[in-house]
Protein backbone atom coordinates (compact mmCIF):
# COMPACT_ATOMS: atom_id res chain seq x y z
CA MET A 1 2.41 -28.24 -9.06
CA THR A 2 4.65 -25.42 -7.83
CA THR A 3 4.20 -22.11 -9.63
CA PRO A 4 7.20 -19.89 -10.58
CA HIS A 5 6.04 -17.29 -8.03
CA ARG A 6 5.97 -19.85 -5.23
CA GLN A 7 9.45 -20.98 -6.23
CA LEU A 8 10.65 -17.39 -5.88
CA THR A 9 8.98 -17.06 -2.50
CA ARG A 10 10.58 -20.25 -1.17
CA ALA A 11 13.98 -19.24 -2.50
CA MET A 12 13.55 -15.79 -0.98
CA ALA A 13 12.81 -17.31 2.41
CA ILE A 14 16.07 -19.25 2.17
CA ALA A 15 17.91 -16.08 1.13
CA LEU A 16 16.47 -14.17 4.08
CA LEU A 17 17.60 -16.89 6.45
CA ALA A 18 21.08 -16.62 4.96
CA VAL A 19 21.07 -12.88 5.55
CA LEU A 20 20.11 -13.35 9.20
CA LEU A 21 22.81 -15.97 9.67
CA THR A 22 25.39 -13.77 7.97
CA TYR A 23 24.60 -10.84 10.23
CA GLY A 24 24.34 -12.94 13.37
CA GLY A 25 20.59 -12.42 13.72
CA GLN A 26 20.96 -8.65 13.87
CA ALA A 27 17.36 -8.18 12.75
CA PHE A 28 16.44 -9.09 16.32
CA ALA A 29 19.18 -7.09 18.05
CA ALA A 30 18.61 -3.98 20.12
CA PRO A 31 18.55 -0.66 18.16
CA THR A 32 21.64 0.63 20.00
CA THR A 33 23.58 -2.49 19.01
CA LEU A 34 22.47 -2.10 15.41
CA ALA A 35 23.58 1.52 15.36
CA ALA A 36 27.03 0.52 16.62
CA GLN A 37 27.29 -2.25 13.99
CA ALA A 38 26.19 0.18 11.28
CA ALA A 39 28.77 2.81 12.19
CA ALA A 40 31.50 0.16 12.25
CA SER A 41 30.88 -0.69 8.58
CA CYS A 42 30.80 2.92 7.32
CA SER A 43 33.83 4.89 6.19
CA SER A 44 33.36 8.51 7.20
CA GLY A 45 33.40 10.89 4.26
CA SER A 46 33.03 8.17 1.60
CA ILE A 47 29.94 9.62 -0.09
CA THR A 48 28.11 7.24 -2.43
CA PRO A 49 28.77 8.32 -6.04
CA THR A 50 25.94 9.69 -8.15
CA VAL A 51 25.05 8.06 -11.46
CA THR A 52 22.72 9.17 -14.24
CA GLU A 53 18.98 8.60 -13.74
CA GLY A 54 18.50 7.18 -17.23
CA PRO A 55 15.33 7.38 -19.33
CA PHE A 56 13.12 4.88 -17.44
CA TYR A 57 12.37 6.54 -14.09
CA LYS A 58 8.69 6.96 -13.12
CA ALA A 59 7.61 8.92 -10.06
CA GLY A 60 4.84 7.56 -7.86
CA SER A 61 5.94 3.96 -7.42
CA PRO A 62 4.05 1.95 -4.79
CA GLN A 63 5.49 1.62 -1.30
CA ARG A 64 6.77 -1.94 -0.94
CA ALA A 65 9.90 -3.80 0.09
CA SER A 66 9.25 -6.71 -2.28
CA LEU A 67 9.14 -6.30 -6.05
CA LEU A 68 8.20 -9.96 -6.51
CA THR A 69 4.74 -9.56 -7.97
CA PRO A 70 2.95 -12.52 -9.59
CA GLY A 71 4.48 -13.53 -12.92
CA ILE A 72 7.97 -12.25 -12.14
CA SER A 73 10.69 -14.74 -13.10
CA GLY A 74 14.43 -14.71 -12.60
CA THR A 75 17.05 -15.29 -9.94
CA PRO A 76 15.80 -14.07 -6.54
CA VAL A 77 17.95 -11.42 -4.87
CA THR A 78 17.61 -10.02 -1.35
CA ILE A 79 19.46 -6.72 -0.88
CA THR A 80 20.00 -5.37 2.62
CA GLY A 81 21.95 -2.44 3.98
CA TYR A 82 21.91 0.88 5.77
CA VAL A 83 21.62 4.54 4.84
CA TYR A 84 24.18 6.70 6.67
CA ASP A 85 24.99 10.37 6.89
CA LYS A 86 28.54 11.54 6.15
CA ASN A 87 29.44 11.08 9.82
CA CYS A 88 28.41 7.40 9.63
CA GLN A 89 25.23 7.93 11.64
CA PRO A 90 22.31 5.73 10.45
CA ILE A 91 19.43 7.74 8.99
CA ALA A 92 15.90 6.74 10.00
CA ASN A 93 12.98 7.28 7.59
CA ALA A 94 15.27 7.74 4.59
CA TRP A 95 13.40 7.34 1.30
CA LEU A 96 14.65 4.79 -1.25
CA ASP A 97 13.00 4.44 -4.67
CA PHE A 98 14.14 1.41 -6.70
CA TRP A 99 13.49 0.56 -10.35
CA GLN A 100 15.08 -1.97 -12.70
CA ALA A 101 14.79 -4.07 -15.83
CA SER A 102 13.35 -7.58 -15.77
CA ALA A 103 15.51 -10.69 -16.04
CA SER A 104 15.19 -10.35 -19.81
CA GLY A 105 16.37 -6.73 -19.77
CA VAL A 106 12.99 -5.01 -20.24
CA TYR A 107 11.54 -2.12 -18.21
CA ASP A 108 7.83 -1.79 -17.49
CA ASN A 109 7.14 1.76 -18.67
CA ALA A 110 3.34 1.39 -18.58
CA GLY A 111 2.98 0.24 -14.97
CA TYR A 112 5.08 -0.26 -11.87
CA THR A 113 6.45 -3.78 -12.28
CA LEU A 114 9.88 -4.01 -10.59
CA ARG A 115 9.44 -0.53 -9.16
CA GLY A 116 8.86 0.43 -5.54
CA HIS A 117 9.84 2.79 -2.78
CA GLN A 118 10.37 2.24 0.94
CA TYR A 119 11.75 3.96 4.03
CA THR A 120 14.54 2.91 6.36
CA ASP A 121 13.58 1.79 9.85
CA ALA A 122 14.63 3.45 13.12
CA ALA A 123 18.11 1.91 12.79
CA GLY A 124 18.58 3.14 9.20
CA ARG A 125 18.10 -0.30 7.63
CA PHE A 126 16.41 -1.27 4.39
CA MET A 127 15.68 -4.58 2.68
CA LEU A 128 14.66 -5.15 -0.94
CA GLN A 129 13.38 -8.41 -2.44
CA THR A 130 13.71 -8.53 -6.21
CA VAL A 131 15.24 -10.51 -9.09
CA GLU A 132 18.59 -10.14 -10.80
CA PRO A 133 18.08 -7.73 -13.73
CA GLY A 134 19.05 -8.71 -17.24
CA GLU A 135 21.44 -6.90 -19.54
CA TYR A 136 20.39 -4.97 -22.62
CA PRO A 137 22.43 -3.29 -25.40
CA GLY A 138 25.06 -1.02 -23.89
CA ARG A 139 24.20 -1.78 -20.25
CA THR A 140 25.42 -4.35 -17.79
CA GLU A 141 23.26 -5.68 -14.93
CA HIS A 142 22.23 -2.80 -12.65
CA ILE A 143 19.51 -1.57 -10.30
CA HIS A 144 18.54 2.11 -10.19
CA VAL A 145 17.84 3.84 -6.89
CA LYS A 146 17.12 7.30 -5.52
CA VAL A 147 17.95 7.87 -1.85
CA GLN A 148 16.97 10.85 0.29
CA ALA A 149 17.34 11.66 3.97
CA PRO A 150 14.27 13.43 5.39
CA SER A 151 14.24 16.93 3.83
CA GLY A 152 17.71 16.34 2.33
CA PRO A 153 18.87 16.34 -1.31
CA ILE A 154 18.20 13.30 -3.50
CA LEU A 155 21.06 10.97 -4.40
CA THR A 156 20.47 9.21 -7.74
CA THR A 157 22.70 6.24 -8.37
CA GLN A 158 22.87 2.61 -9.54
CA LEU A 159 23.94 -0.68 -7.95
CA PHE A 160 26.03 -3.25 -9.84
CA PHE A 161 26.70 -6.99 -9.57
CA PRO A 162 30.28 -8.30 -9.37
CA GLY A 163 31.69 -10.73 -11.92
CA VAL A 164 29.44 -9.67 -14.80
CA VAL A 165 31.35 -9.80 -18.10
CA HIS A 166 29.97 -6.54 -19.48
CA ASN A 167 30.76 -4.42 -16.42
CA SER A 168 34.02 -3.30 -18.02
CA SER A 169 32.35 -2.25 -21.29
CA ASP A 170 29.53 -0.26 -19.64
CA SER A 171 30.55 3.41 -19.60
CA ILE A 172 28.28 4.07 -16.59
CA TYR A 173 29.66 1.25 -14.46
CA ASP A 174 31.43 2.34 -11.26
CA PRO A 175 33.23 -0.28 -9.11
CA ALA A 176 32.47 1.85 -6.03
CA LEU A 177 28.83 0.84 -6.53
CA LEU A 178 29.41 -2.92 -6.55
CA MET A 179 27.26 -4.83 -4.12
CA ASN A 180 28.70 -7.61 -1.99
CA VAL A 181 26.86 -10.62 -3.43
CA GLN A 182 26.72 -14.22 -2.21
CA THR A 183 25.05 -17.11 -4.04
CA ALA A 184 23.22 -19.86 -2.15
CA ALA A 185 23.16 -23.53 -3.13
CA ASP A 186 19.76 -23.10 -4.82
CA GLY A 187 21.04 -20.21 -6.97
CA SER A 188 19.29 -17.41 -5.07
CA LYS A 189 21.43 -14.46 -4.05
CA THR A 190 21.90 -12.17 -1.08
CA ALA A 191 23.56 -8.79 -1.49
CA THR A 192 24.57 -5.95 0.79
CA PHE A 193 25.22 -2.28 0.13
CA ASN A 194 25.37 0.76 2.38
CA PHE A 195 24.56 4.25 1.12
CA VAL A 196 26.42 7.26 2.53
CA LEU A 197 24.66 10.57 1.89
CA ASP A 198 26.27 14.00 1.89
CA VAL A 199 24.17 15.19 4.83
CA THR A 200 24.46 15.29 8.60
CA THR A 201 21.69 14.19 10.93
CA THR A 202 22.77 16.31 13.87
CA PRO A 203 19.83 18.47 15.01
CA THR A 204 21.70 21.75 14.49
CA ALA A 205 22.35 20.96 10.83
CA GLN A 206 18.96 19.57 9.83
CA THR A 207 16.52 21.60 7.81
CA THR A 208 13.04 20.90 9.15
CA PRO A 209 10.42 21.56 6.47
CA THR A 210 7.68 21.78 9.10
CA THR A 211 8.99 25.22 10.16
CA THR A 212 8.36 26.73 6.73
CA ALA A 213 5.20 28.19 5.16
CA SER A 214 5.46 25.86 2.19
CA TYR A 215 7.53 22.95 0.99
CA THR A 216 8.46 21.66 -2.45
CA PHE A 217 8.85 17.89 -2.50
CA PRO A 218 11.84 17.02 -4.69
CA GLN A 219 10.52 13.49 -5.32
CA THR A 220 7.58 14.80 -7.38
CA GLY A 221 8.36 18.51 -7.87
CA PHE A 222 5.02 19.70 -6.41
CA THR A 223 4.76 22.42 -3.76
CA VAL A 224 2.36 22.28 -0.81
CA SER A 225 1.63 25.67 0.76
CA GLY A 226 -0.74 27.69 2.90
CA ALA A 227 -3.72 25.92 4.42
CA PHE A 228 -2.90 22.71 2.53
CA TRP A 229 0.60 22.61 4.07
CA THR A 230 -0.85 23.18 7.53
CA ALA A 231 -3.41 20.41 7.04
CA TRP A 232 -0.84 18.00 5.55
CA GLN A 233 1.28 18.38 8.70
CA SER A 234 -1.58 18.55 11.27
CA GLY A 235 0.90 18.88 14.11
CA ARG A 236 2.56 15.53 13.34
CA SER A 237 6.17 14.72 12.58
CA PHE A 238 7.22 15.02 8.96
CA ALA A 239 7.71 11.23 8.79
CA ASP A 240 4.20 10.49 10.11
CA SER A 241 2.61 13.01 7.74
CA LEU A 242 4.44 11.42 4.82
CA TYR A 243 3.29 7.96 5.95
CA ILE A 244 -0.35 9.07 6.27
CA ASN A 245 -0.78 11.41 3.28
CA GLY A 246 2.07 10.47 0.97
CA LEU A 247 3.79 12.73 -1.53
CA PRO A 248 1.89 15.42 -3.45
CA ILE A 249 1.01 14.20 -6.95
CA SER A 250 -0.70 17.33 -8.28
CA ALA A 251 -0.58 21.07 -7.90
CA ALA A 252 -3.47 22.81 -6.16
CA ARG A 253 -6.26 23.20 -8.73
CA ASN A 254 -10.01 23.73 -8.91
CA GLU A 255 -12.01 20.51 -9.07
CA VAL A 256 -15.62 19.45 -8.66
CA SER A 257 -15.99 17.52 -5.42
CA PRO A 258 -17.64 14.10 -5.77
CA THR A 259 -19.11 14.63 -2.29
CA ASP A 260 -21.39 17.64 -2.98
CA GLY A 261 -20.84 18.52 -6.66
CA LYS A 262 -19.35 21.94 -5.85
CA THR A 263 -16.01 23.29 -7.03
CA TYR A 264 -13.16 23.65 -4.53
CA LEU A 265 -9.44 24.27 -4.66
CA THR A 266 -8.06 20.73 -4.41
CA GLN A 267 -4.68 19.07 -4.11
CA TRP A 268 -3.99 15.35 -4.49
CA PHE A 269 -1.52 13.23 -2.57
CA GLU A 270 -0.64 9.55 -2.84
CA ARG A 271 -3.05 8.68 -0.02
CA ALA A 272 -5.28 11.72 0.37
CA ARG A 273 -7.22 14.48 -1.39
CA LEU A 274 -7.41 17.87 0.34
CA GLU A 275 -10.21 20.35 -0.40
CA LEU A 276 -10.11 24.02 0.64
CA HIS A 277 -13.36 25.24 2.23
CA PRO A 278 -12.61 28.89 3.07
CA GLN A 279 -16.10 29.38 4.52
CA ASN A 280 -15.10 27.16 7.45
CA VAL A 281 -12.99 28.14 10.43
CA ALA A 282 -9.59 26.42 10.70
CA PRO A 283 -8.82 23.56 11.01
CA ASN A 284 -12.06 22.69 9.20
CA ASN A 285 -11.15 24.98 6.31
CA VAL A 286 -9.37 22.01 4.71
CA LEU A 287 -11.35 18.77 4.46
CA LEU A 288 -10.17 15.31 3.52
CA GLY A 289 -11.86 13.61 0.58
CA LEU A 290 -13.83 10.41 1.16
CA LEU A 291 -11.39 8.25 -0.80
CA GLY A 292 -12.27 5.10 1.12
CA THR A 293 -15.95 5.50 0.29
CA VAL A 294 -15.12 5.95 -3.39
CA ALA A 295 -12.79 2.91 -3.35
CA ALA A 296 -15.56 0.80 -1.80
CA GLN A 297 -18.10 1.57 -4.52
CA GLY A 298 -19.51 -1.65 -5.95
CA LYS A 299 -18.50 -3.65 -2.89
CA GLN A 300 -21.51 -2.87 -0.69
CA ASN A 301 -23.11 -6.27 -1.26
CA GLN A 302 -20.05 -8.14 -0.04
CA ALA A 303 -20.37 -9.77 3.38
CA ALA A 304 -17.66 -7.58 4.93
CA PHE A 305 -19.70 -4.45 4.21
CA GLN A 306 -22.83 -5.67 6.00
CA GLN A 307 -23.44 -4.14 9.42
CA VAL A 308 -22.63 -6.14 12.54
CA SER A 309 -23.87 -5.96 16.12
CA ASN A 310 -21.76 -4.42 18.85
CA PRO A 311 -19.44 -7.26 19.96
CA GLY A 312 -18.61 -5.52 23.22
CA GLY A 313 -15.30 -6.00 24.94
CA SER A 314 -12.27 -4.00 23.85
CA VAL A 315 -13.21 -3.78 20.14
CA ALA A 316 -14.55 -0.31 19.26
CA TRP A 317 -17.91 -0.33 17.43
CA PHE A 318 -19.64 2.65 15.79
CA SER A 319 -23.42 2.77 15.62
CA GLN A 320 -23.18 5.36 12.81
CA THR A 321 -22.03 2.68 10.35
CA GLY A 322 -22.53 -0.59 12.24
CA HIS A 323 -18.88 -1.61 12.00
CA THR A 324 -15.99 -2.18 14.35
CA VAL A 325 -12.46 -0.79 14.08
CA GLY A 326 -10.40 -3.91 13.48
CA ASN A 327 -11.36 -7.16 15.22
CA SER A 328 -9.91 -9.66 17.68
CA SER A 329 -7.49 -11.24 15.17
CA VAL A 330 -3.80 -10.29 15.21
CA GLY A 331 -4.20 -8.34 11.97
CA GLY A 332 -7.42 -6.74 13.17
CA GLN A 333 -5.76 -5.58 16.36
CA ALA A 334 -2.87 -4.13 14.33
CA ILE A 335 -5.35 -2.20 12.16
CA ALA A 336 -7.16 -0.84 15.23
CA THR A 337 -3.87 0.24 16.80
CA ALA A 338 -2.74 1.98 13.59
CA TRP A 339 -6.12 3.70 13.14
CA THR A 340 -5.93 5.11 16.66
CA ARG A 341 -2.25 6.09 16.56
CA LEU A 342 -2.34 7.77 13.17
CA GLY A 343 -5.35 10.02 13.74
CA GLY A 344 -8.48 7.96 14.29
CA LEU A 345 -11.89 9.34 13.42
CA ALA A 346 -10.68 12.83 12.45
CA GLN A 347 -8.17 11.52 9.93
CA PHE A 348 -9.79 8.38 8.53
CA GLY A 349 -13.49 8.62 9.33
CA TYR A 350 -15.80 5.81 10.38
CA PRO A 351 -15.22 2.17 9.45
CA ILE A 352 -17.40 1.16 6.51
CA SER A 353 -16.46 -2.52 6.40
CA GLN A 354 -15.25 -5.28 8.65
CA PRO A 355 -11.69 -6.58 8.18
CA PHE A 356 -11.56 -9.06 5.28
CA THR A 357 -9.06 -10.54 2.83
CA GLU A 358 -8.57 -8.70 -0.46
CA VAL A 359 -6.05 -8.80 -3.31
CA SER A 360 -3.81 -5.71 -3.41
CA LYS A 361 -3.69 -3.72 -6.65
CA ASP A 362 -0.04 -2.91 -5.94
CA ASP A 363 1.48 -6.40 -5.79
CA GLY A 364 -1.33 -8.87 -6.51
CA LYS A 365 -1.05 -10.49 -3.07
CA SER A 366 -3.86 -11.07 -0.56
CA TYR A 367 -3.94 -9.05 2.66
CA LEU A 368 -6.29 -8.44 5.55
CA VAL A 369 -7.83 -5.03 4.79
CA GLN A 370 -10.44 -2.72 6.25
CA TYR A 371 -12.15 0.22 4.60
CA PHE A 372 -12.83 3.54 6.32
CA GLU A 373 -14.51 6.62 4.90
CA ARG A 374 -11.19 8.16 3.91
CA GLN A 375 -8.74 5.26 3.63
CA ARG A 376 -8.10 1.53 3.25
CA PHE A 377 -5.82 -0.18 5.77
CA GLU A 378 -3.73 -3.24 4.80
CA TYR A 379 -2.15 -5.58 7.35
CA HIS A 380 1.24 -6.93 6.25
CA PRO A 381 2.25 -9.78 8.58
CA GLU A 382 5.70 -9.89 6.97
CA ASN A 383 6.31 -6.47 8.57
CA ALA A 384 5.00 -7.47 12.01
CA GLY A 385 6.91 -5.81 14.83
CA THR A 386 7.83 -2.80 12.68
CA SER A 387 6.11 0.52 12.00
CA TYR A 388 5.05 -0.85 8.59
CA ALA A 389 2.87 -3.71 9.83
CA VAL A 390 -0.14 -1.72 8.57
CA LEU A 391 0.14 0.18 5.29
CA LEU A 392 -2.32 2.72 3.96
CA GLY A 393 -3.75 2.34 0.47
CA ARG A 394 -2.50 4.65 -2.30
CA LEU A 395 -6.09 5.72 -2.92
CA GLY A 396 -5.13 9.19 -4.06
CA ALA A 397 -2.85 7.79 -6.75
CA GLU A 398 -5.53 5.30 -7.76
CA GLN A 399 -8.33 7.87 -7.98
CA MET A 400 -6.65 11.01 -9.31
CA THR A 401 -6.25 9.46 -12.76
CA LYS A 402 -10.03 8.98 -12.89
CA THR A 403 -10.72 12.63 -12.06
CA PRO A 404 -10.86 15.25 -14.85
């Protein structure tokens, strides 16, 4: 018997194929060709209108391009597009945070169902998999979104579906925010929309937060400063630091460390916890919490957490824990590559498990994962060939709520 979720997945695959056919297979085109195609479909100076945020926004949504978690029903919709600056230049690493009502017109205000954020790729593209939202009193069908170029202002707006009867009676509706929607034979839909932000991506006009002594993240309203700001950056690009640590989700505050029971000035991020140890010389004056070790509590008897012998060859093995970094599988190799590229031992610590399949708390799907002392890596084969093939667990967001 086919479950509703599998029906959505099959329909989404058909919708994705339609998108690729519509755009002539541009997902596989060279970046320079994509940039030229993007600029051709942008009208310089036509800034995307802002629309009210509404009462249902929640900061801290999980990073994901698909909102189709188990149990979701409704008409599948695949939305693709670009984020441009006002000169029609595609913006890489732009942040998009989507949220919407279910097909029956209900928002999940307790959790993060039909909520998620993502970043545009090097060509400024995004893709969202979701369902068509339902109407509710006073509102036509719409999808909320916040869009931000790196270190730029946040655009808050909404996307609308054409041909909906109640568009004309919704006081918030703006025809400039209509998506271009096509319906396939099976009823699934593909939609396109391009955002144009009131920023310029030319180097002379960009504000680079890494040159400042502190930075307030508009997405959450928290400021990172001093030694914490230095450690958050660690000499990386802003985009890489955001990918590794995530947004700040608390102010700096005194907390008892679960590692040694002592009190330290601490700040939480989506994927990290930073502790200030002023007795140490920089850069060791700020230490990363062992979030991976905490997340692995209760799993030590599982087969993946049992030590293995050194397999030799090109797979790195650490005698300190008896585990390899990744393995010879495609996903294992992707995890090993990401671990090395994003900071290795200094950033993530030793491996404390072998790669194994685990159900994600974010979307309820199974992924190849591996635990390290400070993080959990997830391999997403649907993102293979992109910089998001391996995603880092939101362990800070998961664990901060459990900390007094």
